[in-house]
PDB file of N, CA and C in Angstrom:
ATOM      1  N   GLN A   1       0.168 -13.130  -5.168  1.00  0.00           N
ATOM      2  CA  GLN A   1      -0.520 -12.308  -4.351  1.00  0.00           C
ATOM      3  C   GLN A   1      -0.383 -10.839  -5.092  1.00  0.00           C
ATOM      4  N   VAL A   2      -1.123 -10.244  -5.243  1.00  0.00           N
ATOM      5  CA  VAL A   2      -1.800  -9.254  -6.120  1.00  0.00           C
ATOM      6  C   VAL A   2      -1.163  -8.134  -5.384  1.00  0.00           C
ATOM      7  N   GLN A   3      -0.030  -7.086  -6.264  1.00  0.00           N
ATOM      8  CA  GLN A   3       0.283  -5.936  -6.275  1.00  0.00           C
ATOM      9  C   GLN A   3       0.259  -4.997  -7.208  1.00  0.00           C
ATOM     10  N   LEU A   4      -0.246  -3.620  -6.693  1.00  0.00           N
ATOM     11  CA  LEU A   4      -0.420  -2.479  -7.698  1.00  0.00           C
ATOM     12  C   LEU A   4       0.796  -1.757  -7.124  1.00  0.00           C
ATOM     13  N   VAL A   5       1.582  -0.860  -8.139  1.00  0.00           N
ATOM     14  CA  VAL A   5       2.514  -0.343  -8.004  1.00  0.00           C
ATOM     15  C   VAL A   5       1.802   0.805  -8.635  1.00  0.00           C
ATOM     16  N   GLU A   6       2.216   1.997  -8.350  1.00  0.00           N
ATOM     17  CA  GLU A   6       1.963   3.188  -9.090  1.00  0.00           C
ATOM     18  C   GLU A   6       3.369   4.141  -8.685  1.00  0.00           C
ATOM     19  N   SER A   7       3.152   4.893 -10.096  1.00  0.00           N
ATOM     20  CA  SER A   7       4.726   5.740 -10.278  1.00  0.00           C
ATOM     21  C   SER A   7       4.427   7.054 -11.095  1.00  0.00           C
ATOM     22  N   GLY A   8       5.220   7.833 -11.281  1.00  0.00           N
ATOM     23  CA  GLY A   8       5.022   9.292 -12.284  1.00  0.00           C
ATOM     24  C   GLY A   8       4.709  10.438 -11.504  1.00  0.00           C
ATOM     25  N   GLY A   9       4.277  10.145 -10.340  1.00  0.00           N
ATOM     26  CA  GLY A   9       3.943  11.349  -9.721  1.00  0.00           C
ATOM     27  C   GLY A   9       5.062  12.678  -9.469  1.00  0.00           C
ATOM     28  N   GLY A  10       4.580  14.022  -8.972  1.00  0.00           N
ATOM     29  CA  GLY A  10       5.560  14.911  -9.058  1.00  0.00           C
ATOM     30  C   GLY A  10       5.107  16.267  -8.380  1.00  0.00           C
ATOM     31  N   LEU A  11       6.163  17.343  -8.596  1.00  0.00           N
ATOM     32  CA  LEU A  11       5.413  18.451  -8.834  1.00  0.00           C
ATOM     33  C   LEU A  11       5.823  18.974 -10.173  1.00  0.00           C
ATOM     34  N   VAL A  12       4.530  19.720 -10.249  1.00  0.00           N
ATOM     35  CA  VAL A  12       4.176  20.350 -11.855  1.00  0.00           C
ATOM     36  C   VAL A  12       3.407  21.639 -11.348  1.00  0.00           C
ATOM     37  N   GLN A  13       4.066  22.627 -12.531  1.00  0.00           N
ATOM     38  CA  GLN A  13       2.925  24.084 -12.628  1.00  0.00           C
ATOM     39  C   GLN A  13       1.608  24.069 -13.049  1.00  0.00           C
ATOM     40  N   PRO A  14       1.020  24.891 -12.521  1.00  0.00           N
ATOM     41  CA  PRO A  14      -0.323  24.784 -13.256  1.00  0.00           C
ATOM     42  C   PRO A  14      -0.319  24.495 -14.586  1.00  0.00           C
ATOM     43  N   GLY A  15      -1.054  24.151 -15.391  1.00  0.00           N
ATOM     44  CA  GLY A  15      -0.942  24.289 -16.690  1.00  0.00           C
ATOM     45  C   GLY A  15      -0.175  22.947 -17.376  1.00  0.00           C
ATOM     46  N   GLY A  16       0.611  22.397 -16.714  1.00  0.00           N
ATOM     47  CA  GLY A  16       1.550  21.352 -16.986  1.00  0.00           C
ATOM     48  C   GLY A  16       0.924  20.048 -16.903  1.00  0.00           C
ATOM     49  N   SER A  17       1.762  18.849 -17.419  1.00  0.00           N
ATOM     50  CA  SER A  17       1.120  17.945 -17.648  1.00  0.00           C
ATOM     51  C   SER A  17       1.546  16.521 -16.872  1.00  0.00           C
ATOM     52  N   LEU A  18       1.598  15.386 -16.353  1.00  0.00           N
ATOM     53  CA  LEU A  18       2.372  14.254 -15.523  1.00  0.00           C
ATOM     54  C   LEU A  18       1.211  12.785 -16.384  1.00  0.00           C
ATOM     55  N   ARG A  19       2.123  12.101 -16.480  1.00  0.00           N
ATOM     56  CA  ARG A  19       1.587  10.758 -16.999  1.00  0.00           C
ATOM     57  C   ARG A  19       1.898   9.784 -15.503  1.00  0.00           C
ATOM     58  N   LEU A  20       0.885   9.149 -15.122  1.00  0.00           N
ATOM     59  CA  LEU A  20       1.038   8.221 -14.142  1.00  0.00           C
ATOM     60  C   LEU A  20       1.060   6.636 -14.379  1.00  0.00           C
ATOM     61  N   SER A  21       1.661   5.995 -14.299  1.00  0.00           N
ATOM     62  CA  SER A  21       1.517   4.340 -14.434  1.00  0.00           C
ATOM     63  C   SER A  21       1.390   3.336 -13.433  1.00  0.00           C
ATOM     64  N   CYS A  22       0.579   2.317 -13.324  1.00  0.00           N
ATOM     65  CA  CYS A  22       0.177   1.189 -12.406  1.00  0.00           C
ATOM     66  C   CYS A  22       0.197   0.091 -12.979  1.00  0.00           C
ATOM     67  N   ALA A  23       1.578  -0.595 -12.486  1.00  0.00           N
ATOM     68  CA  ALA A  23       1.413  -1.941 -12.881  1.00  0.00           C
ATOM     69  C   ALA A  23       1.295  -2.937 -12.096  1.00  0.00           C
ATOM     70  N   ALA A  24       0.445  -3.750 -12.521  1.00  0.00           N
ATOM     71  CA  ALA A  24      -0.284  -4.758 -11.765  1.00  0.00           C
ATOM     72  C   ALA A  24       0.578  -6.202 -11.736  1.00  0.00           C
ATOM     73  N   SER A  25       0.382  -6.791 -10.551  1.00  0.00           N
ATOM     74  CA  SER A  25       1.090  -8.212 -11.034  1.00  0.00           C
ATOM     75  C   SER A  25      -0.386  -9.286 -10.583  1.00  0.00           C
ATOM     76  N   GLY A  26      -0.067 -10.301 -10.770  1.00  0.00           N
ATOM     77  CA  GLY A  26      -1.019 -10.968 -10.627  1.00  0.00           C
ATOM     78  C   GLY A  26      -2.170 -11.086 -11.302  1.00  0.00           C
ATOM     79  N   SER A  27      -3.346 -11.757 -11.277  1.00  0.00           N
ATOM     80  CA  SER A  27      -4.184 -12.292 -12.217  1.00  0.00           C
ATOM     81  C   SER A  27      -5.489 -10.950 -12.632  1.00  0.00           C
ATOM     82  N   ILE A  28      -5.189  -9.919 -11.635  1.00  0.00           N
ATOM     83  CA  ILE A  28      -6.354  -9.314 -11.908  1.00  0.00           C
ATOM     84  C   ILE A  28      -6.739  -8.048 -12.590  1.00  0.00           C
ATOM     85  N   PHE A  29      -5.753  -8.069 -13.515  1.00  0.00           N
ATOM     86  CA  PHE A  29      -5.906  -7.080 -14.703  1.00  0.00           C
ATOM     87  C   PHE A  29      -6.479  -7.798 -15.887  1.00  0.00           C
ATOM     88  N   SER A  30      -6.314  -8.899 -15.899  1.00  0.00           N
ATOM     89  CA  SER A  30      -7.104  -9.557 -17.459  1.00  0.00           C
ATOM     90  C   SER A  30      -8.624  -9.201 -17.329  1.00  0.00           C
ATOM     91  N   ILE A  31      -9.217  -9.524 -15.722  1.00  0.00           N
ATOM     92  CA  ILE A  31     -10.586  -9.959 -15.934  1.00  0.00           C
ATOM     93  C   ILE A  31     -11.229  -8.277 -14.997  1.00  0.00           C
ATOM     94  N   ASN A  32     -10.493  -7.508 -14.665  1.00  0.00           N
ATOM     95  CA  ASN A  32     -11.226  -6.349 -14.262  1.00  0.00           C
ATOM     96  C   ASN A  32     -10.905  -4.849 -14.757  1.00  0.00           C
ATOM     97  N   ALA A  33     -11.955  -4.252 -14.681  1.00  0.00           N
ATOM     98  CA  ALA A  33     -11.655  -2.959 -15.220  1.00  0.00           C
ATOM     99  C   ALA A  33     -11.106  -2.266 -14.004  1.00  0.00           C
ATOM    100  N   MET A  34     -10.088  -1.021 -14.523  1.00  0.00           N
ATOM    101  CA  MET A  34      -9.153  -0.697 -13.796  1.00  0.00           C
ATOM    102  C   MET A  34      -9.347   0.757 -13.373  1.00  0.00           C
ATOM    103  N   GLY A  35      -9.256   1.800 -12.201  1.00  0.00           N
ATOM    104  CA  GLY A  35      -9.435   2.828 -12.327  1.00  0.00           C
ATOM    105  C   GLY A  35      -8.577   3.503 -11.675  1.00  0.00           C
ATOM    106  N   TRP A  36      -8.483   4.952 -11.512  1.00  0.00           N
ATOM    107  CA  TRP A  36      -7.349   5.431 -10.826  1.00  0.00           C
ATOM    108  C   TRP A  36      -8.011   6.742  -9.904  1.00  0.00           C
ATOM    109  N   TYR A  37      -7.680   6.428  -8.698  1.00  0.00           N
ATOM    110  CA  TYR A  37      -8.616   7.124  -7.409  1.00  0.00           C
ATOM    111  C   TYR A  37      -7.404   8.680  -6.908  1.00  0.00           C
ATOM    112  N   ARG A  38      -8.167   9.488  -6.349  1.00  0.00           N
ATOM    113  CA  ARG A  38      -7.134  10.417  -5.480  1.00  0.00           C
ATOM    114  C   ARG A  38      -7.679  10.552  -4.374  1.00  0.00           C
ATOM    115  N   GLN A  39      -6.943  11.213  -3.517  1.00  0.00           N
ATOM    116  CA  GLN A  39      -7.325  11.419  -2.151  1.00  0.00           C
ATOM    117  C   GLN A  39      -6.478  13.066  -1.815  1.00  0.00           C
ATOM    118  N   ALA A  40      -7.352  14.030  -1.858  1.00  0.00           N
ATOM    119  CA  ALA A  40      -6.461  15.148  -1.184  1.00  0.00           C
ATOM    120  C   ALA A  40      -6.642  15.443   0.116  1.00  0.00           C
ATOM    121  N   PRO A  41      -5.627  16.687   0.977  1.00  0.00           N
ATOM    122  CA  PRO A  41      -5.714  16.020   2.351  1.00  0.00           C
ATOM    123  C   PRO A  41      -6.860  16.555   2.929  1.00  0.00           C
ATOM    124  N   GLY A  42      -7.794  16.186   3.832  1.00  0.00           N
ATOM    125  CA  GLY A  42      -9.060  16.042   4.242  1.00  0.00           C
ATOM    126  C   GLY A  42     -10.142  16.053   3.375  1.00  0.00           C
ATOM    127  N   LYS A  43     -10.138  15.178   2.361  1.00  0.00           N
ATOM    128  CA  LYS A  43     -10.744  14.827   1.458  1.00  0.00           C
ATOM    129  C   LYS A  43     -11.075  13.668   1.594  1.00  0.00           C
ATOM    130  N   GLN A  44     -12.208  12.994   1.357  1.00  0.00           N
ATOM    131  CA  GLN A  44     -12.464  11.389   1.042  1.00  0.00           C
ATOM    132  C   GLN A  44     -11.760  10.941  -0.712  1.00  0.00           C
ATOM    133  N   ARG A  45     -11.510  10.050  -0.796  1.00  0.00           N
ATOM    134  CA  ARG A  45     -10.620   9.482  -1.941  1.00  0.00           C
ATOM    135  C   ARG A  45     -12.120   9.316  -2.888  1.00  0.00           C
ATOM    136  N   GLU A  46     -11.761   9.894  -4.077  1.00  0.00           N
ATOM    137  CA  GLU A  46     -12.691   9.604  -5.078  1.00  0.00           C
ATOM    138  C   GLU A  46     -11.865   9.137  -6.251  1.00  0.00           C
ATOM    139  N   LEU A  47     -13.138   8.511  -7.243  1.00  0.00           N
ATOM    140  CA  LEU A  47     -12.560   7.744  -8.233  1.00  0.00           C
ATOM    141  C   LEU A  47     -12.404   8.996  -9.596  1.00  0.00           C
ATOM    142  N   VAL A  48     -11.362   8.985 -10.030  1.00  0.00           N
ATOM    143  CA  VAL A  48     -10.822   9.829 -11.077  1.00  0.00           C
ATOM    144  C   VAL A  48     -11.322   9.528 -12.212  1.00  0.00           C
ATOM    145  N   ALA A  49     -10.686   8.255 -12.613  1.00  0.00           N
ATOM    146  CA  ALA A  49     -11.717   7.174 -14.133  1.00  0.00           C
ATOM    147  C   ALA A  49     -11.218   6.017 -14.122  1.00  0.00           C
ATOM    148  N   ALA A  50     -11.864   5.607 -14.882  1.00  0.00           N
ATOM    149  CA  ALA A  50     -11.681   4.051 -14.931  1.00  0.00           C
ATOM    150  C   ALA A  50     -11.993   3.773 -16.488  1.00  0.00           C
ATOM    151  N   ILE A  51     -11.609   2.326 -16.705  1.00  0.00           N
ATOM    152  CA  ILE A  51     -11.216   1.646 -18.083  1.00  0.00           C
ATOM    153  C   ILE A  51     -11.720   0.545 -17.715  1.00  0.00           C
ATOM    154  N   THR A  52     -12.605  -0.320 -18.799  1.00  0.00           N
ATOM    155  CA  THR A  52     -13.095  -1.665 -18.677  1.00  0.00           C
ATOM    156  C   THR A  52     -11.737  -2.268 -19.669  1.00  0.00           C
ATOM    157  N   ASN A  53     -12.112  -3.730 -19.849  1.00  0.00           N
ATOM    158  CA  ASN A  53     -11.208  -4.521 -20.332  1.00  0.00           C
ATOM    159  C   ASN A  53     -11.042  -4.216 -21.631  1.00  0.00           C
ATOM    160  N   ASP A  54     -12.012  -3.983 -22.049  1.00  0.00           N
ATOM    161  CA  ASP A  54     -12.402  -3.909 -23.505  1.00  0.00           C
ATOM    162  C   ASP A  54     -12.132  -2.017 -24.363  1.00  0.00           C
ATOM    163  N   GLY A  55     -11.932  -1.466 -23.166  1.00  0.00           N
ATOM    164  CA  GLY A  55     -11.028  -0.052 -23.052  1.00  0.00           C
ATOM    165  C   GLY A  55     -12.612   1.168 -23.417  1.00  0.00           C
ATOM    166  N   ARG A  56     -13.357   0.816 -22.892  1.00  0.00           N
ATOM    167  CA  ARG A  56     -14.658   1.768 -22.714  1.00  0.00           C
ATOM    168  C   ARG A  56     -13.944   2.669 -21.104  1.00  0.00           C
ATOM    169  N   THR A  57     -14.240   3.996 -21.280  1.00  0.00           N
ATOM    170  CA  THR A  57     -13.752   4.920 -20.323  1.00  0.00           C
ATOM    171  C   THR A  57     -14.784   5.397 -19.596  1.00  0.00           C
ATOM    172  N   HIS A  58     -14.492   5.964 -18.479  1.00  0.00           N
ATOM    173  CA  HIS A  58     -15.507   6.437 -17.551  1.00  0.00           C
ATOM    174  C   HIS A  58     -14.573   8.195 -16.895  1.00  0.00           C
ATOM    175  N   TYR A  59     -15.371   9.360 -16.846  1.00  0.00           N
ATOM    176  CA  TYR A  59     -14.481  10.183 -15.992  1.00  0.00           C
ATOM    177  C   TYR A  59     -15.178  11.068 -14.897  1.00  0.00           C
ATOM    178  N   ALA A  60     -14.407  11.286 -13.928  1.00  0.00           N
ATOM    179  CA  ALA A  60     -15.226  12.511 -13.434  1.00  0.00           C
ATOM    180  C   ALA A  60     -15.332  13.519 -13.742  1.00  0.00           C
ATOM    181  N   ASP A  61     -16.241  14.460 -13.700  1.00  0.00           N
ATOM    182  CA  ASP A  61     -16.651  15.701 -14.081  1.00  0.00           C
ATOM    183  C   ASP A  61     -15.704  16.079 -14.397  1.00  0.00           C
ATOM    184  N   SER A  62     -15.145  17.132 -12.900  1.00  0.00           N
ATOM    185  CA  SER A  62     -13.721  17.458 -12.684  1.00  0.00           C
ATOM    186  C   SER A  62     -12.482  17.173 -13.768  1.00  0.00           C
ATOM    187  N   VAL A  63     -12.503  16.293 -14.032  1.00  0.00           N
ATOM    188  CA  VAL A  63     -11.503  15.804 -15.499  1.00  0.00           C
ATOM    189  C   VAL A  63     -11.796  15.575 -16.561  1.00  0.00           C
ATOM    190  N   LYS A  64     -12.781  15.635 -16.945  1.00  0.00           N
ATOM    191  CA  LYS A  64     -13.351  15.242 -18.333  1.00  0.00           C
ATOM    192  C   LYS A  64     -12.842  16.303 -19.029  1.00  0.00           C
ATOM    193  N   GLY A  65     -12.106  15.882 -20.504  1.00  0.00           N
ATOM    194  CA  GLY A  65     -11.265  16.949 -20.983  1.00  0.00           C
ATOM    195  C   GLY A  65      -9.931  17.008 -20.804  1.00  0.00           C
ATOM    196  N   ARG A  66      -9.176  16.790 -19.627  1.00  0.00           N
ATOM    197  CA  ARG A  66      -8.079  17.041 -19.395  1.00  0.00           C
ATOM    198  C   ARG A  66      -7.578  15.844 -18.941  1.00  0.00           C
ATOM    199  N   PHE A  67      -7.785  14.762 -18.352  1.00  0.00           N
ATOM    200  CA  PHE A  67      -7.152  13.567 -18.402  1.00  0.00           C
ATOM    201  C   PHE A  67      -7.805  12.510 -18.997  1.00  0.00           C
ATOM    202  N   THR A  68      -6.760  11.491 -19.439  1.00  0.00           N
ATOM    203  CA  THR A  68      -7.044  10.460 -20.412  1.00  0.00           C
ATOM    204  C   THR A  68      -6.203   9.299 -19.745  1.00  0.00           C
ATOM    205  N   ILE A  69      -7.080   7.899 -19.508  1.00  0.00           N
ATOM    206  CA  ILE A  69      -6.767   6.866 -19.252  1.00  0.00           C
ATOM    207  C   ILE A  69      -6.686   6.113 -20.064  1.00  0.00           C
ATOM    208  N   SER A  70      -5.675   4.929 -19.967  1.00  0.00           N
ATOM    209  CA  SER A  70      -5.673   3.905 -20.707  1.00  0.00           C
ATOM    210  C   SER A  70      -5.084   2.478 -20.749  1.00  0.00           C
ATOM    211  N   ARG A  71      -4.961   1.592 -21.002  1.00  0.00           N
ATOM    212  CA  ARG A  71      -4.218   0.405 -20.697  1.00  0.00           C
ATOM    213  C   ARG A  71      -3.500  -0.080 -21.547  1.00  0.00           C
ATOM    214  N   ASP A  72      -2.360  -1.224 -21.200  1.00  0.00           N
ATOM    215  CA  ASP A  72      -1.853  -2.056 -22.096  1.00  0.00           C
ATOM    216  C   ASP A  72      -1.863  -3.146 -21.578  1.00  0.00           C
ATOM    217  N   ASN A  73      -2.734  -3.900 -21.887  1.00  0.00           N
ATOM    218  CA  ASN A  73      -3.016  -5.448 -21.060  1.00  0.00           C
ATOM    219  C   ASN A  73      -1.781  -6.354 -21.065  1.00  0.00           C
ATOM    220  N   ALA A  74      -0.981  -6.502 -22.573  1.00  0.00           N
ATOM    221  CA  ALA A  74       0.698  -7.308 -22.889  1.00  0.00           C
ATOM    222  C   ALA A  74       0.923  -6.738 -21.633  1.00  0.00           C
ATOM    223  N   LYS A  75       1.248  -5.494 -20.786  1.00  0.00           N
ATOM    224  CA  LYS A  75       2.092  -5.162 -19.996  1.00  0.00           C
ATOM    225  C   LYS A  75       1.592  -5.015 -18.593  1.00  0.00           C
ATOM    226  N   ASN A  76       0.025  -5.481 -18.390  1.00  0.00           N
ATOM    227  CA  ASN A  76      -0.030  -5.320 -17.141  1.00  0.00           C
ATOM    228  C   ASN A  76      -0.287  -4.110 -16.666  1.00  0.00           C
ATOM    229  N   THR A  77      -0.311  -2.596 -17.557  1.00  0.00           N
ATOM    230  CA  THR A  77      -0.336  -1.658 -16.935  1.00  0.00           C
ATOM    231  C   THR A  77      -1.355  -0.719 -17.205  1.00  0.00           C
ATOM    232  N   VAL A  78      -1.884   0.431 -16.516  1.00  0.00           N
ATOM    233  CA  VAL A  78      -2.834   1.330 -16.876  1.00  0.00           C
ATOM    234  C   VAL A  78      -2.128   2.746 -16.205  1.00  0.00           C
ATOM    235  N   TYR A  79      -2.487   3.677 -17.281  1.00  0.00           N
ATOM    236  CA  TYR A  79      -1.976   4.957 -17.383  1.00  0.00           C
ATOM    237  C   TYR A  79      -2.811   6.012 -17.194  1.00  0.00           C
ATOM    238  N   LEU A  80      -2.473   7.169 -16.674  1.00  0.00           N
ATOM    239  CA  LEU A  80      -3.326   8.099 -16.706  1.00  0.00           C
ATOM    240  C   LEU A  80      -2.572   9.244 -17.045  1.00  0.00           C
ATOM    241  N   GLN A  81      -2.696   9.810 -18.098  1.00  0.00           N
ATOM    242  CA  GLN A  81      -2.253  10.822 -18.875  1.00  0.00           C
ATOM    243  C   GLN A  81      -2.936  12.300 -18.432  1.00  0.00           C
ATOM    244  N   MET A  82      -2.322  13.427 -17.324  1.00  0.00           N
ATOM    245  CA  MET A  82      -3.239  14.178 -17.075  1.00  0.00           C
ATOM    246  C   MET A  82      -2.544  15.643 -17.268  1.00  0.00           C
ATOM    247  N   ASN A  83      -3.290  16.285 -18.213  1.00  0.00           N
ATOM    248  CA  ASN A  83      -2.688  17.553 -18.738  1.00  0.00           C
ATOM    249  C   ASN A  83      -3.699  18.789 -18.272  1.00  0.00           C
ATOM    250  N   SER A  84      -3.158  20.111 -18.551  1.00  0.00           N
ATOM    251  CA  SER A  84      -3.736  21.012 -18.063  1.00  0.00           C
ATOM    252  C   SER A  84      -3.957  21.087 -16.430  1.00  0.00           C
ATOM    253  N   LEU A  85      -2.768  20.879 -15.775  1.00  0.00           N
ATOM    254  CA  LEU A  85      -3.144  20.470 -14.189  1.00  0.00           C
ATOM    255  C   LEU A  85      -3.859  21.474 -13.605  1.00  0.00           C
ATOM    256  N   LYS A  86      -4.273  21.480 -12.475  1.00  0.00           N
ATOM    257  CA  LYS A  86      -4.590  22.368 -11.912  1.00  0.00           C
ATOM    258  C   LYS A  86      -4.427  22.564 -10.259  1.00  0.00           C
ATOM    259  N   PRO A  87      -4.305  23.473  -9.735  1.00  0.00           N
ATOM    260  CA  PRO A  87      -3.846  23.094  -8.135  1.00  0.00           C
ATOM    261  C   PRO A  87      -4.979  22.560  -7.274  1.00  0.00           C
ATOM    262  N   GLU A  88      -6.446  22.127  -7.573  1.00  0.00           N
ATOM    263  CA  GLU A  88      -7.135  21.323  -6.839  1.00  0.00           C
ATOM    264  C   GLU A  88      -6.871  19.800  -7.612  1.00  0.00           C
ATOM    265  N   ASP A  89      -5.901  19.749  -8.508  1.00  0.00           N
ATOM    266  CA  ASP A  89      -5.821  18.447  -8.808  1.00  0.00           C
ATOM    267  C   ASP A  89      -4.601  17.692  -7.939  1.00  0.00           C
ATOM    268  N   THR A  90      -4.010  18.565  -6.811  1.00  0.00           N
ATOM    269  CA  THR A  90      -2.906  18.115  -6.001  1.00  0.00           C
ATOM    270  C   THR A  90      -3.958  17.213  -4.817  1.00  0.00           C
ATOM    271  N   ALA A  91      -2.931  15.813  -4.932  1.00  0.00           N
ATOM    272  CA  ALA A  91      -3.530  14.597  -4.193  1.00  0.00           C
ATOM    273  C   ALA A  91      -2.649  13.605  -4.282  1.00  0.00           C
ATOM    274  N   VAL A  92      -2.797  12.260  -3.329  1.00  0.00           N
ATOM    275  CA  VAL A  92      -2.165  11.368  -3.421  1.00  0.00           C
ATOM    276  C   VAL A  92      -3.069  10.831  -4.712  1.00  0.00           C
ATOM    277  N   TYR A  93      -2.806   9.814  -5.979  1.00  0.00           N
ATOM    278  CA  TYR A  93      -3.085   8.964  -6.841  1.00  0.00           C
ATOM    279  C   TYR A  93      -2.848   7.682  -6.825  1.00  0.00           C
ATOM    280  N   TYR A  94      -4.024   6.956  -6.875  1.00  0.00           N
ATOM    281  CA  TYR A  94      -3.929   5.510  -6.509  1.00  0.00           C
ATOM    282  C   TYR A  94      -4.394   4.506  -7.634  1.00  0.00           C
ATOM    283  N   CYS A  95      -4.095   3.458  -7.879  1.00  0.00           N
ATOM    284  CA  CYS A  95      -4.747   2.644  -8.626  1.00  0.00           C
ATOM    285  C   CYS A  95      -5.521   1.702  -8.224  1.00  0.00           C
ATOM    286  N   ASN A  96      -6.417   1.210  -8.608  1.00  0.00           N
ATOM    287  CA  ASN A  96      -7.052  -0.127  -8.147  1.00  0.00           C
ATOM    288  C   ASN A  96      -8.111  -0.520  -9.249  1.00  0.00           C
ATOM    289  N   THR A  97      -8.758  -1.697  -8.787  1.00  0.00           N
ATOM    290  CA  THR A  97      -9.861  -2.253  -9.601  1.00  0.00           C
ATOM    291  C   THR A  97     -11.324  -1.280  -9.464  1.00  0.00           C
ATOM    292  N   ALA A  98     -11.995  -1.325 -10.467  1.00  0.00           N
ATOM    293  CA  ALA A  98     -12.739  -0.497 -10.417  1.00  0.00           C
ATOM    294  C   ALA A  98     -14.466  -1.631 -10.570  1.00  0.00           C
ATOM    295  N   PRO A  99     -15.131  -1.750  -9.634  1.00  0.00           N
ATOM    296  CA  PRO A  99     -15.046  -0.545  -7.979  1.00  0.00           C
ATOM    297  C   PRO A  99     -13.974  -1.249  -7.548  1.00  0.00           C
ATOM    298  N   ALA A 100     -13.584  -0.582  -6.742  1.00  0.00           N
ATOM    299  CA  ALA A 100     -11.929  -0.537  -5.775  1.00  0.00           C
ATOM    300  C   ALA A 100     -12.516  -1.693  -4.643  1.00  0.00           C
ATOM    301  N   SER A 101     -10.946  -2.261  -4.547  1.00  0.00           N
ATOM    302  CA  SER A 101     -10.881  -3.693  -3.662  1.00  0.00           C
ATOM    303  C   SER A 101     -10.406  -2.944  -2.087  1.00  0.00           C
ATOM    304  N   ARG A 102     -10.576  -3.236  -1.132  1.00  0.00           N
ATOM    305  CA  ARG A 102      -9.806  -2.938  -0.092  1.00  0.00           C
ATOM    306  C   ARG A 102      -8.334  -3.809  -0.116  1.00  0.00           C
ATOM    307  N   ASP A 103      -8.333  -4.918  -0.770  1.00  0.00           N
ATOM    308  CA  ASP A 103      -7.426  -5.174  -0.879  1.00  0.00           C
ATOM    309  C   ASP A 103      -6.362  -5.100  -1.297  1.00  0.00           C
ATOM    310  N   TYR A 104      -6.433  -4.194  -2.301  1.00  0.00           N
ATOM    311  CA  TYR A 104      -5.505  -3.898  -3.619  1.00  0.00           C
ATOM    312  C   TYR A 104      -4.855  -2.356  -3.282  1.00  0.00           C
ATOM    313  N   TRP A 105      -5.322  -1.931  -2.322  1.00  0.00           N
ATOM    314  CA  TRP A 105      -4.481  -0.213  -2.271  1.00  0.00           C
ATOM    315  C   TRP A 105      -3.052  -0.557  -1.917  1.00  0.00           C
ATOM    316  N   GLY A 106      -2.543   0.447  -2.899  1.00  0.00           N
ATOM    317  CA  GLY A 106      -0.887   0.534  -2.730  1.00  0.00           C
ATOM    318  C   GLY A 106      -0.636   1.905  -2.063  1.00  0.00           C
ATOM    319  N   GLN A 107       1.023   2.198  -2.173  1.00  0.00           N
ATOM    320  CA  GLN A 107       1.132   3.363  -1.697  1.00  0.00           C
ATOM    321  C   GLN A 107       0.732   4.676  -2.081  1.00  0.00           C
ATOM    322  N   GLY A 108       0.289   4.530  -3.489  1.00  0.00           N
ATOM    323  CA  GLY A 108      -0.010   5.770  -4.400  1.00  0.00           C
ATOM    324  C   GLY A 108       1.186   6.477  -4.767  1.00  0.00           C
ATOM    325  N   THR A 109       1.019   7.934  -5.469  1.00  0.00           N
ATOM    326  CA  THR A 109       1.955   8.344  -6.056  1.00  0.00           C
ATOM    327  C   THR A 109       1.624   9.901  -5.570  1.00  0.00           C
ATOM    328  N   GLN A 110       2.137  10.910  -5.209  1.00  0.00           N
ATOM    329  CA  GLN A 110       2.104  12.431  -4.989  1.00  0.00           C
ATOM    330  C   GLN A 110       1.744  12.899  -6.103  1.00  0.00           C
ATOM    331  N   VAL A 111       0.995  13.846  -6.649  1.00  0.00           N
ATOM    332  CA  VAL A 111       0.728  14.843  -7.435  1.00  0.00           C
ATOM    333  C   VAL A 111       0.568  16.043  -6.905  1.00  0.00           C
ATOM    334  N   THR A 112       1.493  16.994  -7.292  1.00  0.00           N
ATOM    335  CA  THR A 112       1.605  18.314  -6.531  1.00  0.00           C
ATOM    336  C   THR A 112       1.505  19.270  -7.655  1.00  0.00           C
ATOM    337  N   VAL A 113       0.615  20.234  -8.016  1.00  0.00           N
ATOM    338  CA  VAL A 113       0.582  21.232  -8.713  1.00  0.00           C
ATOM    339  C   VAL A 113       0.336  22.925  -8.102  1.00  0.00           C
ATOM    340  N   SER A 114       1.569  23.351  -8.293  1.00  0.00           N
ATOM    341  CA  SER A 114       1.838  24.296  -7.875  1.00  0.00           C
ATOM    342  C   SER A 114       2.967  25.231  -8.457  1.00  0.00           C
ATOM    343  N   SER A 115       2.802  27.015  -8.411  1.00  0.00           N
ATOM    344  CA  SER A 115       3.304  27.581  -8.863  1.00  0.00           C
ATOM    345  C   SER A 115       4.693  28.118  -8.050  1.00  0.00           C
TER     346      SER A 115
END
């Protein structure tokens, strides 16, 4: 059974940084592109960043230059380094395949950017 477990969220001041991690079990990691998604209160879930098996990346315009997605295939883990955080980055962050599969949504990790 595939599981994706997100961690690393928290409360941070504007301009601060956080690093999210997503540990994947099962076989999906080695054959799929992976993505980080977020859902803010009252808004639809959106793709923040994605990375292919060979390291090609894609970012939403709102996070370009501030967020960096990476993956460690040996550890079946995908990361999201978030710098220069803004209040509008406040959301629950999830990892999933890219495109997302409804079977793989986990609990997510809360990121709150506030002074």
